Amino acid sequence: MGAAGPDEAGVASPVLDSMGSSSRRARLLTVMAGIALSVVLLSLRQRRSRSSGLRAIREAP
């Protein structure tokens, strides 16, 4: 029998490992970008609601 290659021995080849790593990185960046966008949109929404509440208080008789 011949010697087992790296893939047959259960060790990932460097090419497959780097592809999986970049895929994980891309997914992580996508999730982080989504979280950042959500935080920005929520803070804008709160700022608008706060400013409209202050405007109503100032305009009250």
C-alpha atoms as a PDB file:
ATOM      1  CA  MET A   1       0.000   0.000   0.000  1.00  0.00           C
ATOM      2  CA  GLY A   2       1.144   3.548  -0.717  1.00  0.00           C
ATOM      3  CA  ALA A   3       1.622   6.282   1.851  1.00  0.00           C
ATOM      4  CA  ALA A   4      -1.477   8.273   2.656  1.00  0.00           C
ATOM      5  CA  GLY A   5      -1.581  11.814   1.274  1.00  0.00           C
ATOM      6  CA  PRO A   6      -2.364  14.782   3.501  1.00  0.00           C
ATOM      7  CA  ASP A   7      -6.088  14.729   2.625  1.00  0.00           C
ATOM      8  CA  GLU A   8      -6.387  11.010   3.303  1.00  0.00           C
ATOM      9  CA  ALA A   9      -4.674  11.357   6.665  1.00  0.00           C
ATOM     10  CA  GLY A  10      -7.333  13.842   7.805  1.00  0.00           C
ATOM     11  CA  VAL A  11      -5.119  16.936   7.542  1.00  0.00           C
ATOM     12  CA  ALA A  12      -6.611  19.744   5.475  1.00  0.00           C
ATOM     13  CA  SER A  13      -4.558  21.004   2.584  1.00  0.00           C
ATOM     14  CA  PRO A  14      -3.377  24.640   2.848  1.00  0.00           C
ATOM     15  CA  VAL A  15      -5.467  25.663  -0.181  1.00  0.00           C
ATOM     16  CA  LEU A  16      -8.717  24.378   1.286  1.00  0.00           C
ATOM     17  CA  ASP A  17      -7.873  25.800   4.693  1.00  0.00           C
ATOM     18  CA  SER A  18      -7.214  29.285   3.326  1.00  0.00           C
ATOM     19  CA  MET A  19     -10.448  29.198   1.302  1.00  0.00           C
ATOM     20  CA  GLY A  20     -12.436  28.227   4.391  1.00  0.00           C
ATOM     21  CA  SER A  21     -10.703  30.920   6.414  1.00  0.00           C
ATOM     22  CA  SER A  22     -11.532  33.658   3.892  1.00  0.00           C
ATOM     23  CA  SER A  23     -15.098  32.435   3.693  1.00  0.00           C
ATOM     24  CA  ARG A  24     -15.362  32.668   7.483  1.00  0.00           C
ATOM     25  CA  ARG A  25     -13.789  36.121   7.401  1.00  0.00           C
ATOM     26  CA  ALA A  26     -16.237  37.303   4.740  1.00  0.00           C
ATOM     27  CA  ARG A  27     -19.176  35.994   6.763  1.00  0.00           C
ATOM     28  CA  LEU A  28     -17.877  37.656   9.907  1.00  0.00           C
ATOM     29  CA  LEU A  29     -17.419  40.984   8.107  1.00  0.00           C
ATOM     30  CA  THR A  30     -20.955  40.753   6.709  1.00  0.00           C
ATOM     31  CA  VAL A  31     -22.400  40.124  10.168  1.00  0.00           C
ATOM     32  CA  MET A  32     -20.366  42.957  11.685  1.00  0.00           C
ATOM     33  CA  ALA A  33     -21.466  45.353   8.931  1.00  0.00           C
ATOM     34  CA  GLY A  34     -25.099  44.401   9.560  1.00  0.00           C
ATOM     35  CA  ILE A  35     -24.729  45.041  13.275  1.00  0.00           C
ATOM     36  CA  ALA A  36     -23.052  48.405  12.655  1.00  0.00           C
ATOM     37  CA  LEU A  37     -25.805  49.434  10.243  1.00  0.00           C
ATOM     38  CA  SER A  38     -28.482  48.437  12.756  1.00  0.00           C
ATOM     39  CA  VAL A  39     -26.829  50.485  15.500  1.00  0.00           C
ATOM     40  CA  VAL A  40     -26.605  53.555  13.253  1.00  0.00           C
ATOM     41  CA  LEU A  41     -30.229  53.273  12.139  1.00  0.00           C
ATOM     42  CA  LEU A  42     -31.472  52.786  15.706  1.00  0.00           C
ATOM     43  CA  SER A  43     -29.528  55.796  16.958  1.00  0.00           C
ATOM     44  CA  LEU A  44     -30.906  57.947  14.127  1.00  0.00           C
ATOM     45  CA  ARG A  45     -34.443  56.809  14.921  1.00  0.00           C
ATOM     46  CA  GLN A  46     -33.988  57.632  18.620  1.00  0.00           C
ATOM     47  CA  ARG A  47     -32.528  61.039  17.793  1.00  0.00           C
ATOM     48  CA  ARG A  48     -35.510  61.853  15.559  1.00  0.00           C
ATOM     49  CA  SER A  49     -38.036  60.753  18.161  1.00  0.00           C
ATOM     50  CA  ARG A  50     -36.235  62.753  20.862  1.00  0.00           C
ATOM     51  CA  SER A  51     -36.074  65.897  18.743  1.00  0.00           C
ATOM     52  CA  SER A  52     -39.739  65.651  17.745  1.00  0.00           C
ATOM     53  CA  GLY A  53     -40.672  65.230  21.426  1.00  0.00           C
ATOM     54  CA  LEU A  54     -38.667  68.319  22.355  1.00  0.00           C
ATOM     55  CA  ARG A  55     -40.270  70.248  19.510  1.00  0.00           C
ATOM     56  CA  ALA A  56     -43.745  69.350  20.813  1.00  0.00           C
ATOM     57  CA  ILE A  57     -42.796  70.512  24.315  1.00  0.00           C
ATOM     58  CA  ARG A  58     -41.448  73.851  23.021  1.00  0.00           C
ATOM     59  CA  GLU A  59     -44.513  74.471  20.835  1.00  0.00           C
ATOM     60  CA  ALA A  60     -46.973  73.706  23.645  1.00  0.00           C
ATOM     61  CA  PRO A  61     -48.844  76.771  24.978  1.00  0.00           C
END
